[in-house]
Amino acid sequence: VLYSLSDQGIAILMWSYSVMGMPYEDLAEFISYRLLSTTAVNDFSPQAIASALWSMATSGIRNTALVAELTRVAVEPSILERFNAQDVANTIWALARLKLWDIRIVYVLG
């Protein structure tokens, strides 16, 4: 089932675990493996990127590889131009909370 989830489905799943206060380190590792071993992360929308990062920050999950990949996608011009104010705020907050600053994204979003 997890392999068939869309970008929004993955972000909502991560968000749900975070809101319920349930640990999901193993799930985050699986999601990271899936996204890093395929091109699925390239299909993430700005909202899905922001939601995934927010969920990781809320749960204290510091998966540096996944954060790096999500921020790499976020600065792609075709993705970057679709960020709205809420996506920007959630992304910057999550990176600050995780203490995983990526100067490229802070520069282009800030």
N, C-alpha and C. Protein backbone atom coordinates (compact mmCIF):
# COMPACT_ATOMS: atom_id res chain seq x y z
N VAL A 1 0.82 -1.19 0.00
CA VAL A 1 0.00 0.00 0.00
C VAL A 1 0.87 1.26 0.00
N LEU A 2 1.94 1.27 0.77
CA LEU A 2 2.78 2.48 0.85
C LEU A 2 3.42 2.84 -0.48
N TYR A 3 3.70 1.84 -1.30
CA TYR A 3 4.30 2.13 -2.60
C TYR A 3 3.33 2.84 -3.54
N SER A 4 2.03 2.71 -3.29
CA SER A 4 1.06 3.31 -4.18
C SER A 4 0.61 4.70 -3.74
N LEU A 5 1.10 5.18 -2.60
CA LEU A 5 0.68 6.49 -2.11
C LEU A 5 1.26 7.61 -2.97
N SER A 6 0.46 8.63 -3.19
CA SER A 6 0.91 9.83 -3.90
C SER A 6 1.75 10.69 -2.95
N ASP A 7 2.29 11.76 -3.47
CA ASP A 7 3.04 12.69 -2.63
C ASP A 7 2.16 13.21 -1.49
N GLN A 8 0.93 13.55 -1.81
CA GLN A 8 0.03 14.05 -0.78
C GLN A 8 -0.32 12.96 0.21
N GLY A 9 -0.47 11.73 -0.28
CA GLY A 9 -0.77 10.61 0.61
C GLY A 9 0.35 10.37 1.61
N ILE A 10 1.59 10.45 1.15
CA ILE A 10 2.74 10.28 2.04
C ILE A 10 2.78 11.41 3.07
N ALA A 11 2.59 12.64 2.61
CA ALA A 11 2.62 13.79 3.53
C ALA A 11 1.49 13.70 4.55
N ILE A 12 0.31 13.28 4.13
CA ILE A 12 -0.82 13.16 5.07
C ILE A 12 -0.56 12.05 6.08
N LEU A 13 0.03 10.95 5.64
CA LEU A 13 0.36 9.86 6.55
C LEU A 13 1.35 10.35 7.61
N MET A 14 2.39 11.05 7.18
CA MET A 14 3.37 11.59 8.12
C MET A 14 2.71 12.60 9.06
N TRP A 15 1.87 13.46 8.51
CA TRP A 15 1.17 14.46 9.31
C TRP A 15 0.28 13.80 10.37
N SER A 16 -0.42 12.75 9.97
CA SER A 16 -1.32 12.04 10.89
C SER A 16 -0.57 11.48 12.08
N TYR A 17 0.55 10.83 11.82
CA TYR A 17 1.35 10.29 12.92
C TYR A 17 1.82 11.42 13.84
N SER A 18 2.24 12.54 13.26
CA SER A 18 2.73 13.66 14.05
C SER A 18 1.63 14.25 14.93
N VAL A 19 0.46 14.46 14.36
CA VAL A 19 -0.64 15.07 15.10
C VAL A 19 -1.10 14.15 16.25
N MET A 20 -1.06 12.85 16.00
CA MET A 20 -1.47 11.90 17.04
C MET A 20 -0.37 11.67 18.07
N GLY A 21 0.82 12.21 17.81
CA GLY A 21 1.93 12.04 18.73
C GLY A 21 2.51 10.64 18.73
N MET A 22 2.28 9.93 17.65
CA MET A 22 2.78 8.56 17.54
C MET A 22 4.16 8.56 16.91
N PRO A 23 5.10 7.82 17.49
CA PRO A 23 6.43 7.74 16.88
C PRO A 23 6.35 7.01 15.54
N TYR A 24 7.13 7.49 14.60
CA TYR A 24 7.11 6.82 13.30
C TYR A 24 8.48 6.81 12.65
N GLU A 25 9.51 6.61 13.46
CA GLU A 25 10.86 6.58 12.93
C GLU A 25 11.03 5.49 11.86
N ASP A 26 10.49 4.29 12.13
CA ASP A 26 10.62 3.21 11.16
C ASP A 26 9.90 3.54 9.86
N LEU A 27 8.71 4.12 9.98
CA LEU A 27 7.96 4.52 8.80
C LEU A 27 8.73 5.60 8.04
N ALA A 28 9.30 6.54 8.77
CA ALA A 28 10.08 7.61 8.13
C ALA A 28 11.29 7.04 7.39
N GLU A 29 11.92 6.03 7.97
CA GLU A 29 13.04 5.38 7.29
C GLU A 29 12.58 4.71 6.00
N PHE A 30 11.42 4.04 6.05
CA PHE A 30 10.89 3.40 4.86
C PHE A 30 10.55 4.44 3.79
N ILE A 31 9.89 5.51 4.21
CA ILE A 31 9.53 6.58 3.27
C ILE A 31 10.80 7.17 2.66
N SER A 32 11.80 7.40 3.48
CA SER A 32 13.06 7.92 2.98
C SER A 32 13.67 6.97 1.97
N TYR A 33 13.71 5.70 2.29
CA TYR A 33 14.26 4.71 1.36
C TYR A 33 13.50 4.72 0.04
N ARG A 34 12.17 4.74 0.15
CA ARG A 34 11.34 4.72 -1.07
C ARG A 34 11.60 5.96 -1.92
N LEU A 35 11.62 7.12 -1.29
CA LEU A 35 11.79 8.36 -2.04
C LEU A 35 13.19 8.52 -2.59
N LEU A 36 14.18 8.04 -1.86
CA LEU A 36 15.56 8.21 -2.32
C LEU A 36 15.98 7.15 -3.33
N SER A 37 15.25 6.05 -3.38
CA SER A 37 15.61 4.98 -4.32
C SER A 37 14.79 5.03 -5.60
N THR A 38 13.89 5.98 -5.69
CA THR A 38 13.09 6.17 -6.90
C THR A 38 13.09 7.65 -7.24
N THR A 39 12.33 8.01 -8.24
CA THR A 39 12.20 9.44 -8.58
C THR A 39 10.92 10.03 -8.00
N ALA A 40 10.27 9.31 -7.08
CA ALA A 40 8.98 9.75 -6.54
C ALA A 40 9.05 11.13 -5.89
N VAL A 41 10.16 11.45 -5.24
CA VAL A 41 10.26 12.73 -4.56
C VAL A 41 10.18 13.89 -5.55
N ASN A 42 10.55 13.66 -6.79
CA ASN A 42 10.47 14.72 -7.80
C ASN A 42 9.03 15.12 -8.11
N ASP A 43 8.07 14.29 -7.74
CA ASP A 43 6.66 14.59 -7.97
C ASP A 43 6.00 15.31 -6.81
N PHE A 44 6.75 15.61 -5.75
CA PHE A 44 6.18 16.26 -4.58
C PHE A 44 5.77 17.69 -4.91
N SER A 45 4.59 18.06 -4.47
CA SER A 45 4.11 19.43 -4.61
C SER A 45 4.71 20.27 -3.47
N PRO A 46 4.66 21.59 -3.60
CA PRO A 46 5.13 22.43 -2.50
C PRO A 46 4.40 22.12 -1.18
N GLN A 47 3.10 21.89 -1.24
CA GLN A 47 2.35 21.58 -0.02
C GLN A 47 2.82 20.26 0.58
N ALA A 48 3.08 19.26 -0.25
CA ALA A 48 3.55 17.97 0.27
C ALA A 48 4.95 18.11 0.87
N ILE A 49 5.81 18.89 0.25
CA ILE A 49 7.15 19.13 0.80
C ILE A 49 7.04 19.80 2.16
N ALA A 50 6.26 20.87 2.22
CA ALA A 50 6.10 21.60 3.48
C ALA A 50 5.47 20.72 4.56
N SER A 51 4.47 19.95 4.20
CA SER A 51 3.79 19.08 5.17
C SER A 51 4.71 17.99 5.68
N ALA A 52 5.48 17.40 4.78
CA ALA A 52 6.41 16.34 5.20
C ALA A 52 7.48 16.90 6.15
N LEU A 53 8.04 18.05 5.81
CA LEU A 53 9.04 18.67 6.67
C LEU A 53 8.43 19.08 8.01
N TRP A 54 7.23 19.66 7.99
CA TRP A 54 6.55 20.05 9.22
C TRP A 54 6.33 18.83 10.11
N SER A 55 5.90 17.73 9.51
CA SER A 55 5.64 16.51 10.28
C SER A 55 6.91 15.97 10.92
N MET A 56 7.99 15.99 10.15
CA MET A 56 9.26 15.52 10.70
C MET A 56 9.71 16.40 11.85
N ALA A 57 9.57 17.71 11.69
CA ALA A 57 9.99 18.63 12.75
C ALA A 57 9.12 18.47 13.99
N THR A 58 7.83 18.33 13.80
CA THR A 58 6.91 18.18 14.93
C THR A 58 7.21 16.92 15.72
N SER A 59 7.62 15.87 15.01
CA SER A 59 7.91 14.59 15.66
C SER A 59 9.38 14.44 16.05
N GLY A 60 10.19 15.42 15.70
CA GLY A 60 11.61 15.37 16.04
C GLY A 60 12.39 14.34 15.23
N ILE A 61 11.93 14.05 14.03
CA ILE A 61 12.61 13.08 13.16
C ILE A 61 13.61 13.82 12.28
N ARG A 62 14.90 13.60 12.55
CA ARG A 62 15.97 14.30 11.83
C ARG A 62 16.59 13.37 10.80
N ASN A 63 15.85 13.07 9.78
CA ASN A 63 16.36 12.24 8.69
C ASN A 63 17.03 13.18 7.69
N THR A 64 18.33 13.35 7.85
CA THR A 64 19.04 14.35 7.06
C THR A 64 18.99 14.07 5.56
N ALA A 65 19.01 12.81 5.19
CA ALA A 65 18.96 12.48 3.75
C ALA A 65 17.62 12.88 3.15
N LEU A 66 16.54 12.61 3.86
CA LEU A 66 15.22 12.96 3.35
C LEU A 66 15.02 14.47 3.32
N VAL A 67 15.47 15.16 4.36
CA VAL A 67 15.38 16.63 4.38
C VAL A 67 16.17 17.21 3.21
N ALA A 68 17.36 16.71 2.98
CA ALA A 68 18.18 17.21 1.87
C ALA A 68 17.49 16.99 0.53
N GLU A 69 16.88 15.84 0.36
CA GLU A 69 16.21 15.55 -0.91
C GLU A 69 14.97 16.41 -1.09
N LEU A 70 14.20 16.60 -0.02
CA LEU A 70 13.01 17.45 -0.12
C LEU A 70 13.39 18.90 -0.41
N THR A 71 14.45 19.39 0.22
CA THR A 71 14.87 20.77 -0.06
C THR A 71 15.47 20.90 -1.45
N ARG A 72 16.13 19.85 -1.93
CA ARG A 72 16.65 19.88 -3.31
C ARG A 72 15.51 20.05 -4.30
N VAL A 73 14.44 19.31 -4.09
CA VAL A 73 13.28 19.40 -4.98
C VAL A 73 12.61 20.77 -4.83
N ALA A 74 12.54 21.26 -3.61
CA ALA A 74 11.86 22.54 -3.35
C ALA A 74 12.47 23.70 -4.12
N VAL A 75 13.78 23.68 -4.34
CA VAL A 75 14.41 24.81 -5.02
C VAL A 75 14.40 24.67 -6.54
N GLU A 76 13.84 23.59 -7.04
CA GLU A 76 13.66 23.47 -8.49
C GLU A 76 12.71 24.58 -8.96
N PRO A 77 13.04 25.31 -9.99
CA PRO A 77 12.20 26.45 -10.41
C PRO A 77 10.73 26.09 -10.63
N SER A 78 10.46 24.95 -11.21
CA SER A 78 9.06 24.58 -11.47
C SER A 78 8.28 24.30 -10.19
N ILE A 79 8.97 23.94 -9.12
CA ILE A 79 8.33 23.71 -7.82
C ILE A 79 8.30 25.02 -7.03
N LEU A 80 9.43 25.69 -7.01
CA LEU A 80 9.59 26.92 -6.24
C LEU A 80 8.53 27.97 -6.56
N GLU A 81 8.22 28.11 -7.83
CA GLU A 81 7.25 29.14 -8.24
C GLU A 81 5.83 28.84 -7.74
N ARG A 82 5.58 27.62 -7.30
CA ARG A 82 4.24 27.25 -6.83
C ARG A 82 4.09 27.31 -5.31
N PHE A 83 5.16 27.63 -4.58
CA PHE A 83 5.08 27.76 -3.12
C PHE A 83 4.18 28.95 -2.77
N ASN A 84 3.26 28.75 -1.83
CA ASN A 84 2.48 29.87 -1.32
C ASN A 84 3.04 30.26 0.05
N ALA A 85 2.46 31.29 0.65
CA ALA A 85 2.99 31.81 1.92
C ALA A 85 2.98 30.74 3.02
N GLN A 86 1.92 29.94 3.09
CA GLN A 86 1.85 28.90 4.12
C GLN A 86 2.92 27.84 3.91
N ASP A 87 3.16 27.44 2.66
CA ASP A 87 4.20 26.47 2.36
C ASP A 87 5.57 27.00 2.77
N VAL A 88 5.82 28.27 2.48
CA VAL A 88 7.10 28.90 2.84
C VAL A 88 7.26 28.91 4.36
N ALA A 89 6.23 29.37 5.07
CA ALA A 89 6.30 29.46 6.53
C ALA A 89 6.53 28.09 7.15
N ASN A 90 5.79 27.09 6.71
CA ASN A 90 5.94 25.74 7.28
C ASN A 90 7.32 25.15 6.99
N THR A 91 7.82 25.40 5.79
CA THR A 91 9.12 24.86 5.41
C THR A 91 10.24 25.50 6.23
N ILE A 92 10.24 26.82 6.31
CA ILE A 92 11.28 27.52 7.07
C ILE A 92 11.21 27.16 8.55
N TRP A 93 9.99 27.09 9.11
CA TRP A 93 9.83 26.71 10.51
C TRP A 93 10.39 25.31 10.75
N ALA A 94 10.05 24.37 9.86
CA ALA A 94 10.50 22.98 10.03
C ALA A 94 12.02 22.88 9.99
N LEU A 95 12.64 23.57 9.04
CA LEU A 95 14.10 23.53 8.94
C LEU A 95 14.75 24.14 10.18
N ALA A 96 14.16 25.21 10.70
CA ALA A 96 14.69 25.83 11.92
C ALA A 96 14.52 24.88 13.11
N ARG A 97 13.37 24.28 13.22
CA ARG A 97 13.09 23.36 14.34
C ARG A 97 14.01 22.14 14.30
N LEU A 98 14.28 21.64 13.11
CA LEU A 98 15.16 20.49 12.95
C LEU A 98 16.64 20.86 13.03
N LYS A 99 16.91 22.18 12.97
CA LYS A 99 18.29 22.68 12.92
C LYS A 99 19.03 22.05 11.74
N LEU A 100 18.32 21.97 10.63
CA LEU A 100 18.89 21.44 9.39
C LEU A 100 18.73 22.48 8.29
N TRP A 101 19.40 23.60 8.48
CA TRP A 101 19.31 24.68 7.51
C TRP A 101 19.94 24.30 6.19
N ASP A 102 19.26 24.63 5.14
CA ASP A 102 19.82 24.53 3.80
C ASP A 102 19.80 25.95 3.27
N ILE A 103 20.96 26.55 3.16
CA ILE A 103 21.05 27.97 2.81
C ILE A 103 20.37 28.27 1.49
N ARG A 104 20.37 27.30 0.55
CA ARG A 104 19.71 27.54 -0.74
C ARG A 104 18.23 27.81 -0.55
N ILE A 105 17.58 26.98 0.24
CA ILE A 105 16.13 27.14 0.39
C ILE A 105 15.80 28.37 1.23
N VAL A 106 16.59 28.64 2.24
CA VAL A 106 16.35 29.83 3.05
C VAL A 106 16.51 31.07 2.18
N TYR A 107 17.51 31.08 1.32
CA TYR A 107 17.76 32.21 0.44
C TYR A 107 16.62 32.40 -0.56
N VAL A 108 16.19 31.33 -1.21
CA VAL A 108 15.18 31.49 -2.26
C VAL A 108 13.78 31.64 -1.69
N LEU A 109 13.50 31.08 -0.52
CA LEU A 109 12.17 31.25 0.06
C LEU A 109 12.08 32.49 0.94
N GLY A 110 13.18 32.83 1.58
CA GLY A 110 13.18 33.94 2.52
C GLY A 110 13.26 35.23 1.83
